[in-house]
Amino acid sequence: MTKRSIRSADVAGKTVFVRVDFNVPIADGVITDDTRIRAALPTISWLIERNARVVLASHLGRPGGKANDELRMAPVAARLAELLERPVTAMASITGSDVTDAVDAMNDGDVILLENLRFDPGEEANDPDFARELADLADIYVNDAFGTSHRAHASTEGIANHIPAYLGFLMQREVEALSRLLEAPEHPFIAIIGGAKVSDKIGILDHLIERVDTLLIGGGMANTFLHAQGHEVGTSLMEEDQVDTARRILEHATERGVEVMLPLDVVVAEDVDAGRGTTVSISEVPAGSAIFDIGSETRRAFFRAILEAKTVFWNGPLGVAEKPTFAVGTRRVAEAVAMADGYTVIGGGDSIAALEQIGLADQIDHVSTGGGASLEFVEGRTLPGIAMVPDEADAS
C-alpha cells in the first residue's frame, strides 16, 4: 500500500503542522551541516506555493525535557529563512498563548518554527495532552521527519490521532526507496554492516540473512565475529557477551547459503590516536594492539564483491572513520558503492559522511536521512510515525 501523500491534501488557506527533522549540528551558534534542513525544503516550498500556513516543529539534541539555551531553534530558523529566501518566525515556546496568537495571526504562505519540542517532557513521553495542544495549532498534520519516525512521540504519533495525517515528500521518498530492499530486491543483494557493536545490529543482521546473498561485516563489531571464529583481537573493542550471538548469526547464514565476508587483514595500532597503523593478518594481531580498520586485502575483496552486486545496502563505518589514519577502509567501500551499477542505499550518518568527504553522495541512488529509522524499516519493523498515516486507499 502507498501511504497518503501531502499531494492529495487541499492545503490552501489551511494551517499545516509539519514535523521536520532539524536536528542539525551547531557549534557556537553556527550550523555546521544543514543537510537535514535542505532535505525538508521540497515539502515546505510546496506548501508555501499553495498558500498554506506552515507551522514547523523539530527536536534538537537531547535536552531531557528541559529548556537549554544551547539547543534553541533560533539558529535553525535563521538558516531556513536564508534557504527559503523568506522570513521564518522563530518562536520561544512550543505551545501556549504566545504560540496560539502567532499562529492565528499568520497569513497564507507564512512560516513559523516552534521551539525545541524536547524542551517539553510531554514530547518523548507521547503525552496525550501535549499531543492535543500541538494538534490544536493546525488543520492538517504532515510527517516529514523520517529520522524520528521510529519513535512514538507526541509530534510523530500522538498528534495524528487528532487531525488528518499525511506523509511529506522526504518521508515518501524514504518509504519508497527502502521498500525496494524489502519487496523485490534484484540479486546479487549485498549488505555492508559496520559500526561498533553487534548488540546494536542483531535485528538487522538476522533480518538481512533472510534476504541477501552476501553480508560484509566490518567496524568494531567485526572483532566480535572474529573472536567467535577463534581469532585473538588484542585490546580491540569486542563484546564478550555477544560472542555466542555472533556464532549463531554465522551458523544461520551458513544454513541460508549466505556468504559472510569478515576481515582477512586489519590495521592495528596501540591506540586510536596513533599517527600510523600497521596492517596484519587477522591471525597475527599483537596482544598489545587494537584493530581500527580493515586491511588492504579486505578492502580489495569487499570492493570486488560490491561491484558485482545488483542491490547494495550499507550502514555503518568499516573502521574508526573519524580518524584519517583509520578511515581508508570506509572510504574505499564508499567508492565501491558509488561505482556499483546496482541499486544502492545508504543509511547512517558515518557512512554518509564518508561519501560526502570524497564527493560521491550524489552517485548513490538513495541516501537515507535516518540511521536508526532506516535500520528498523529494513528489519521490517512497524515505524509509529509511518503507521499513523493512512494508506492512500483508506483516504476519505
Protein backbone atom coordinates (compact mmCIF):
# COMPACT_ATOMS: atom_id res chain seq x y z
CA MET A 1 0.00 0.00 0.00
CA THR A 2 1.05 3.57 -0.65
CA LYS A 3 0.77 5.92 2.31
CA ARG A 4 -1.33 9.04 1.92
CA SER A 5 0.82 11.82 0.49
CA ILE A 6 0.55 15.52 1.03
CA ARG A 7 -0.12 15.78 -2.71
CA SER A 8 -3.66 14.59 -2.05
CA ALA A 9 -4.35 17.28 0.57
CA ASP A 10 -6.14 20.57 0.00
CA VAL A 11 -3.83 22.93 1.88
CA ALA A 12 -4.80 26.36 0.54
CA GLY A 13 -5.60 28.67 3.44
CA LYS A 14 -5.08 25.81 5.91
CA THR A 15 -2.66 25.72 8.82
CA VAL A 16 -0.35 22.75 8.33
CA PHE A 17 1.73 21.33 11.19
CA VAL A 18 4.88 19.80 9.70
CA ARG A 19 7.11 17.57 11.82
CA VAL A 20 10.59 18.03 10.35
CA ASP A 21 13.98 16.72 11.40
CA PHE A 22 16.12 19.79 12.01
CA ASN A 23 18.39 18.02 14.49
CA VAL A 24 21.49 19.59 12.98
CA PRO A 25 24.99 20.04 14.44
CA ILE A 26 25.54 23.52 15.91
CA ALA A 27 28.86 24.88 17.20
CA ASP A 28 28.98 28.29 18.89
CA GLY A 29 25.58 29.13 17.48
CA VAL A 30 26.58 28.24 13.91
CA ILE A 31 25.08 25.33 11.97
CA THR A 32 27.95 23.21 10.65
CA ASP A 33 25.86 20.93 8.41
CA ASP A 34 22.46 21.99 7.05
CA THR A 35 21.75 18.78 5.11
CA ARG A 36 18.65 17.94 7.13
CA ILE A 37 17.23 21.44 6.68
CA ARG A 38 17.75 21.24 2.93
CA ALA A 39 16.09 17.82 2.84
CA ALA A 40 12.82 19.36 4.09
CA LEU A 41 12.76 22.23 1.58
CA PRO A 42 10.66 20.45 -1.11
CA THR A 43 7.78 19.87 1.31
CA ILE A 44 7.95 23.34 2.86
CA SER A 45 8.22 25.08 -0.50
CA TRP A 46 5.32 23.06 -1.94
CA LEU A 47 3.11 24.15 0.96
CA ILE A 48 4.12 27.79 0.64
CA GLU A 49 3.43 27.79 -3.09
CA ARG A 50 -0.08 26.50 -2.38
CA ASN A 51 -0.83 29.20 0.18
CA ALA A 52 -0.67 27.05 3.28
CA ARG A 53 0.23 28.48 6.67
CA VAL A 54 3.20 26.40 7.73
CA VAL A 55 3.95 25.57 11.38
CA LEU A 56 7.22 23.64 11.63
CA ALA A 57 8.34 21.63 14.64
CA SER A 58 11.52 19.68 15.39
CA HIS A 59 13.71 18.49 18.21
CA LEU A 60 17.35 19.46 18.58
CA GLY A 61 19.75 17.42 20.66
CA ARG A 62 18.79 15.76 23.93
CA PRO A 63 17.66 18.43 26.39
CA GLY A 64 15.85 15.88 28.56
CA GLY A 65 12.54 17.70 28.83
CA LYS A 66 14.06 21.00 29.98
CA ALA A 67 14.92 24.26 28.23
CA ASN A 68 18.56 24.58 27.20
CA ASP A 69 19.79 27.81 25.64
CA GLU A 70 22.41 25.95 23.60
CA LEU A 71 19.67 23.88 21.93
CA ARG A 72 17.22 26.58 20.89
CA MET A 73 15.83 26.60 17.37
CA ALA A 74 16.58 30.25 16.52
CA PRO A 75 19.78 29.49 14.51
CA VAL A 76 17.83 26.88 12.55
CA ALA A 77 15.07 29.36 11.76
CA ALA A 78 17.67 31.85 10.55
CA ARG A 79 19.27 29.33 8.22
CA LEU A 80 15.91 28.12 6.93
CA ALA A 81 14.94 31.73 6.15
CA GLU A 82 18.11 32.07 4.06
CA LEU A 83 17.35 28.89 2.14
CA LEU A 84 13.70 29.78 1.57
CA GLU A 85 14.52 33.42 0.87
CA ARG A 86 11.60 34.49 3.03
CA PRO A 87 11.02 35.24 6.74
CA VAL A 88 10.72 32.39 9.23
CA THR A 89 9.43 33.31 12.68
CA ALA A 90 11.28 31.52 15.49
CA MET A 91 9.01 31.02 18.50
CA ALA A 92 10.41 31.00 22.02
CA SER A 93 7.77 28.48 23.10
CA ILE A 94 6.24 25.25 21.84
CA THR A 95 2.67 25.81 22.99
CA GLY A 96 0.80 28.46 24.94
CA SER A 97 -0.94 31.73 24.25
CA ASP A 98 2.03 33.36 22.52
CA VAL A 99 2.21 30.48 20.04
CA THR A 100 -1.56 30.38 19.55
CA ASP A 101 -1.66 34.14 18.94
CA ALA A 102 1.18 33.92 16.43
CA VAL A 103 -0.48 31.09 14.54
CA ASP A 104 -3.83 32.90 14.49
CA ALA A 105 -2.12 35.94 13.00
CA MET A 106 -0.46 34.01 10.16
CA ASN A 107 -1.17 34.86 6.55
CA ASP A 108 -1.16 32.36 3.70
CA GLY A 109 2.44 31.38 2.91
CA ASP A 110 3.82 32.37 6.32
CA VAL A 111 6.25 30.07 8.12
CA ILE A 112 6.70 29.62 11.89
CA LEU A 113 9.22 27.35 13.62
CA LEU A 114 8.28 26.27 17.14
CA GLU A 115 10.84 25.99 19.93
CA ASN A 116 12.66 22.67 20.50
CA LEU A 117 9.97 20.03 21.03
CA ARG A 118 12.07 18.13 23.54
CA PHE A 119 12.12 21.06 25.93
CA ASP A 120 8.73 19.68 26.98
CA PRO A 121 8.77 16.24 28.67
CA GLY A 122 5.43 15.51 27.02
CA GLU A 123 7.11 15.10 23.63
CA GLU A 124 9.15 11.96 24.28
CA ALA A 125 6.51 10.64 26.70
CA ASN A 126 3.92 10.92 23.93
CA ASP A 127 1.69 12.70 26.43
CA PRO A 128 -1.85 12.86 25.01
CA ASP A 129 -2.49 16.35 26.38
CA PHE A 130 0.68 17.69 24.79
CA ALA A 131 -0.19 15.95 21.51
CA ARG A 132 -3.63 17.58 21.61
CA GLU A 133 -2.04 21.01 22.18
CA LEU A 134 0.11 20.53 19.11
CA ALA A 135 -2.83 19.34 17.05
CA ASP A 136 -4.94 22.33 18.10
CA LEU A 137 -2.48 24.59 16.27
CA ALA A 138 -3.34 23.22 12.83
CA ASP A 139 -5.87 21.73 10.43
CA ILE A 140 -3.55 19.16 8.86
CA TYR A 141 -0.53 17.16 10.06
CA VAL A 142 2.41 16.25 7.83
CA ASN A 143 5.23 13.99 8.95
CA ASP A 144 8.42 14.72 7.03
CA ALA A 145 10.87 13.61 9.74
CA PHE A 146 12.00 10.12 8.79
CA GLY A 147 14.86 10.21 11.30
CA THR A 148 12.37 10.21 14.19
CA SER A 149 9.64 8.08 12.62
CA HIS A 150 10.70 5.05 14.67
CA ARG A 151 9.81 6.91 17.88
CA ALA A 152 6.25 7.06 19.22
CA HIS A 153 6.44 10.68 20.38
CA ALA A 154 3.71 13.30 20.65
CA SER A 155 4.79 15.01 17.42
CA THR A 156 5.31 11.79 15.45
CA GLU A 157 2.47 9.58 16.65
CA GLY A 158 0.15 11.23 19.17
CA ILE A 159 -0.77 14.27 17.08
CA ALA A 160 -2.05 12.08 14.25
CA ASN A 161 -4.87 10.88 16.50
CA HIS A 162 -6.45 14.32 16.29
CA ILE A 163 -6.04 15.80 12.79
CA PRO A 164 -5.69 14.28 9.28
CA ALA A 165 -2.19 12.93 8.71
CA TYR A 166 -0.08 12.82 5.54
CA LEU A 167 3.48 12.00 4.53
CA GLY A 168 5.75 14.77 3.27
CA PHE A 169 7.93 14.33 0.22
CA LEU A 170 11.05 13.35 2.17
CA MET A 171 9.16 10.66 4.08
CA GLN A 172 7.50 9.41 0.92
CA ARG A 173 10.86 9.12 -0.82
CA GLU A 174 12.34 7.21 2.14
CA VAL A 175 9.46 4.75 2.27
CA GLU A 176 9.55 4.09 -1.47
CA ALA A 177 13.34 3.72 -1.63
CA LEU A 178 13.70 1.45 1.40
CA SER A 179 10.69 -0.64 0.39
CA ARG A 180 12.63 -1.71 -2.70
CA LEU A 181 15.04 -3.54 -0.39
CA LEU A 182 12.16 -5.46 1.20
CA GLU A 183 9.78 -6.15 -1.64
CA ALA A 184 11.73 -7.04 -4.78
CA PRO A 185 15.49 -6.55 -4.47
CA GLU A 186 17.49 -7.53 -7.53
CA HIS A 187 20.18 -10.14 -6.89
CA PRO A 188 23.00 -10.43 -6.07
CA PHE A 189 21.95 -8.44 -2.98
CA ILE A 190 24.84 -7.36 -0.74
CA ALA A 191 24.58 -5.75 2.67
CA ILE A 192 27.55 -3.98 4.27
CA ILE A 193 27.16 -3.60 8.02
CA GLY A 194 29.70 -1.79 10.16
CA GLY A 195 29.74 0.15 13.38
CA ALA A 196 30.95 -0.56 16.86
CA LYS A 197 28.68 -3.17 18.43
CA VAL A 198 26.99 -6.40 17.44
CA SER A 199 24.37 -5.73 20.11
CA ASP A 200 23.20 -2.66 18.16
CA LYS A 201 22.75 -4.61 14.92
CA ILE A 202 21.40 -8.06 15.91
CA GLY A 203 17.95 -7.39 14.49
CA ILE A 204 19.15 -6.10 11.15
CA LEU A 205 21.70 -8.91 10.77
CA ASP A 206 19.09 -11.59 11.42
CA HIS A 207 16.68 -9.97 9.00
CA LEU A 208 19.22 -9.41 6.22
CA ILE A 209 20.38 -13.00 6.31
CA GLU A 210 16.87 -13.94 5.17
CA ARG A 211 17.20 -11.66 2.13
CA VAL A 212 20.78 -11.07 1.00
CA ASP A 213 23.27 -13.20 -0.91
CA THR A 214 26.36 -11.77 0.76
CA LEU A 215 26.93 -9.99 4.06
CA LEU A 216 30.05 -7.86 4.54
CA ILE A 217 30.89 -7.11 8.18
CA GLY A 218 33.44 -4.54 9.36
CA GLY A 219 33.99 -1.98 12.06
CA GLY A 220 34.31 -2.77 15.75
CA MET A 221 31.51 -5.31 15.53
CA ALA A 222 33.64 -7.47 13.23
CA ASN A 223 36.02 -8.06 16.14
CA THR A 224 33.33 -9.99 17.99
CA PHE A 225 32.74 -12.18 14.96
CA LEU A 226 36.47 -12.76 14.52
CA HIS A 227 36.78 -13.72 18.17
CA ALA A 228 33.82 -16.10 17.72
CA GLN A 229 35.85 -17.80 14.98
CA GLY A 230 38.79 -18.25 17.35
CA HIS A 231 40.93 -15.26 16.41
CA GLU A 232 42.68 -13.14 19.02
CA VAL A 233 41.83 -9.46 18.73
CA GLY A 234 44.31 -7.93 21.19
CA THR A 235 42.92 -4.91 23.02
CA SER A 236 40.25 -4.26 20.37
CA LEU A 237 36.68 -3.35 21.16
CA MET A 238 34.93 -6.70 21.49
CA GLU A 239 31.65 -7.74 23.14
CA GLU A 240 32.33 -10.91 25.06
CA ASP A 241 28.63 -11.29 25.89
CA GLN A 242 27.78 -11.28 22.18
CA VAL A 243 30.20 -14.00 21.04
CA ASP A 244 27.51 -16.67 21.14
CA THR A 245 25.20 -14.36 19.21
CA ALA A 246 27.88 -13.91 16.56
CA ARG A 247 28.29 -17.67 16.28
CA ARG A 248 24.52 -18.09 15.93
CA ILE A 249 24.39 -15.48 13.18
CA LEU A 250 27.24 -17.18 11.31
CA GLU A 251 25.51 -20.56 11.62
CA HIS A 252 22.23 -19.02 10.44
CA ALA A 253 23.99 -17.59 7.40
CA THR A 254 25.51 -20.95 6.55
CA GLU A 255 22.08 -22.60 6.79
CA ARG A 256 20.64 -19.99 4.44
CA GLY A 257 23.53 -20.22 1.98
CA VAL A 258 24.56 -16.63 2.64
CA GLU A 259 28.24 -15.76 2.32
CA VAL A 260 29.57 -13.77 5.28
CA MET A 261 32.72 -11.83 4.45
CA LEU A 262 34.75 -10.82 7.51
CA PRO A 263 38.11 -9.02 7.51
CA LEU A 264 41.04 -11.05 6.17
CA ASP A 265 43.55 -8.48 7.39
CA VAL A 266 43.27 -5.43 9.63
CA VAL A 267 45.01 -2.19 10.53
CA VAL A 268 46.22 -2.18 14.13
CA ALA A 269 47.85 0.31 16.49
CA GLU A 270 48.43 0.64 20.21
CA ASP A 271 45.78 3.36 20.48
CA VAL A 272 43.32 5.23 18.30
CA ASP A 273 45.38 8.42 18.35
CA ALA A 274 48.40 6.76 16.79
CA GLY A 275 49.80 8.60 13.78
CA ARG A 276 50.01 5.42 11.74
CA GLY A 277 48.79 1.85 11.80
CA THR A 278 50.25 -1.50 10.78
CA THR A 279 48.44 -3.96 8.53
CA VAL A 280 48.47 -7.55 9.75
CA SER A 281 46.62 -10.78 9.04
CA ILE A 282 43.70 -11.49 11.36
CA SER A 283 45.74 -14.38 12.74
CA GLU A 284 48.60 -12.06 13.72
CA VAL A 285 47.00 -9.28 15.81
CA PRO A 286 49.53 -8.35 18.54
CA ALA A 287 48.35 -8.77 22.12
CA GLY A 288 49.03 -5.11 22.92
CA SER A 289 47.36 -3.63 19.83
CA ALA A 290 43.80 -2.94 18.76
CA ILE A 291 42.02 -3.21 15.39
CA PHE A 292 40.93 0.15 13.97
CA ASP A 293 40.32 -0.52 10.25
CA ILE A 294 40.09 -3.22 7.62
CA GLY A 295 43.32 -4.02 5.78
CA SER A 296 44.25 -3.75 2.11
CA GLU A 297 43.41 -7.36 1.20
CA THR A 298 39.99 -7.00 2.81
CA ARG A 299 39.38 -3.71 1.01
CA ARG A 300 40.08 -5.36 -2.33
CA ALA A 301 37.81 -8.32 -1.55
CA PHE A 302 34.96 -6.08 -0.37
CA PHE A 303 35.43 -3.80 -3.41
CA ARG A 304 35.13 -6.69 -5.87
CA ALA A 305 32.04 -8.09 -4.16
CA ILE A 306 30.27 -4.72 -4.11
CA LEU A 307 30.92 -4.06 -7.79
CA GLU A 308 29.24 -7.36 -8.69
CA ALA A 309 26.06 -6.57 -6.75
CA LYS A 310 22.72 -5.55 -8.23
CA THR A 311 21.43 -4.26 -4.87
CA VAL A 312 23.59 -2.74 -2.11
CA PHE A 313 22.60 -1.66 1.39
CA TRP A 314 25.28 -0.06 3.58
CA ASN A 315 25.06 1.00 7.20
CA GLY A 316 27.99 1.84 9.44
CA PRO A 317 31.70 2.63 9.06
CA LEU A 318 34.29 -0.11 8.48
CA GLY A 319 36.78 1.43 10.91
CA VAL A 320 37.31 4.47 13.12
CA ALA A 321 36.43 6.69 10.18
CA GLU A 322 36.64 9.98 12.09
CA LYS A 323 40.40 9.40 12.32
CA PRO A 324 42.10 9.88 8.91
CA THR A 325 44.62 7.16 9.74
CA PHE A 326 41.83 4.60 10.06
CA ALA A 327 39.35 5.92 7.51
CA VAL A 328 40.83 4.25 4.43
CA GLY A 329 38.62 1.16 4.58
CA THR A 330 35.42 3.16 4.91
CA ARG A 331 36.45 5.48 2.07
CA ARG A 332 37.29 2.55 -0.19
CA VAL A 333 33.92 0.94 0.47
CA ALA A 334 32.23 4.29 -0.21
CA GLU A 335 34.00 4.46 -3.57
CA ALA A 336 32.87 0.93 -4.42
CA VAL A 337 29.24 1.62 -3.52
CA ALA A 338 29.31 4.81 -5.62
CA MET A 339 30.75 2.87 -8.58
CA ALA A 340 28.32 -0.06 -8.33
CA ASP A 341 25.86 -0.38 -11.21
CA GLY A 342 23.16 -1.82 -8.96
CA TYR A 343 20.57 -0.08 -6.80
CA THR A 344 22.43 1.48 -3.85
CA VAL A 345 21.05 2.61 -0.49
CA ILE A 346 22.98 4.08 2.42
CA GLY A 347 21.67 4.69 5.92
CA GLY A 348 23.67 6.11 8.80
CA GLY A 349 25.50 9.34 9.46
CA ASP A 350 29.04 7.95 9.46
CA SER A 351 28.57 6.19 6.13
CA ILE A 352 27.04 9.32 4.62
CA ALA A 353 29.85 11.49 5.98
CA ALA A 354 32.41 9.26 4.26
CA LEU A 355 30.64 9.70 0.93
CA GLU A 356 30.33 13.45 1.31
CA GLN A 357 34.02 13.80 2.23
CA ILE A 358 35.02 12.26 -1.09
CA GLY A 359 32.23 13.97 -3.04
CA LEU A 360 30.33 10.83 -4.06
CA ALA A 361 26.99 11.20 -2.25
CA ASP A 362 25.25 12.22 -5.46
CA GLN A 363 26.22 8.89 -7.05
CA ILE A 364 24.11 6.86 -4.58
CA ASP A 365 20.52 6.01 -5.52
CA HIS A 366 19.20 6.74 -2.03
CA VAL A 367 20.91 8.28 0.98
CA SER A 368 18.62 7.82 3.97
CA THR A 369 18.22 10.68 6.44
CA GLY A 370 17.57 8.33 9.35
CA GLY A 371 20.18 5.86 10.57
CA GLY A 372 18.17 4.12 13.30
CA ALA A 373 14.90 4.54 11.44
CA SER A 374 16.31 3.10 8.22
CA LEU A 375 17.64 0.06 10.09
CA GLU A 376 14.30 -0.59 11.76
CA PHE A 377 12.45 -0.14 8.46
CA VAL A 378 14.73 -2.62 6.68
CA GLU A 379 14.27 -5.00 9.62
CA GLY A 380 10.59 -4.97 8.74
CA ARG A 381 9.51 -3.26 11.94
CA THR A 382 6.46 -1.02 12.15
CA LEU A 383 7.53 2.61 12.48
CA PRO A 384 4.96 4.60 14.50
CA GLY A 385 5.48 7.80 12.53
CA ILE A 386 4.58 5.99 9.31
CA ALA A 387 1.92 3.64 10.68
CA MET A 388 -0.21 6.57 11.88
CA VAL A 389 -0.58 7.87 8.32
CA PRO A 390 -3.46 6.15 6.48
CA ASP A 391 -2.88 4.21 3.29
CA GLU A 392 -3.89 6.13 0.18
CA ALA A 393 -6.76 3.71 -0.46
CA ASP A 394 -8.14 4.43 3.02
CA ALA A 395 -8.31 8.19 2.47
CA SER A 396 -11.82 9.50 2.66
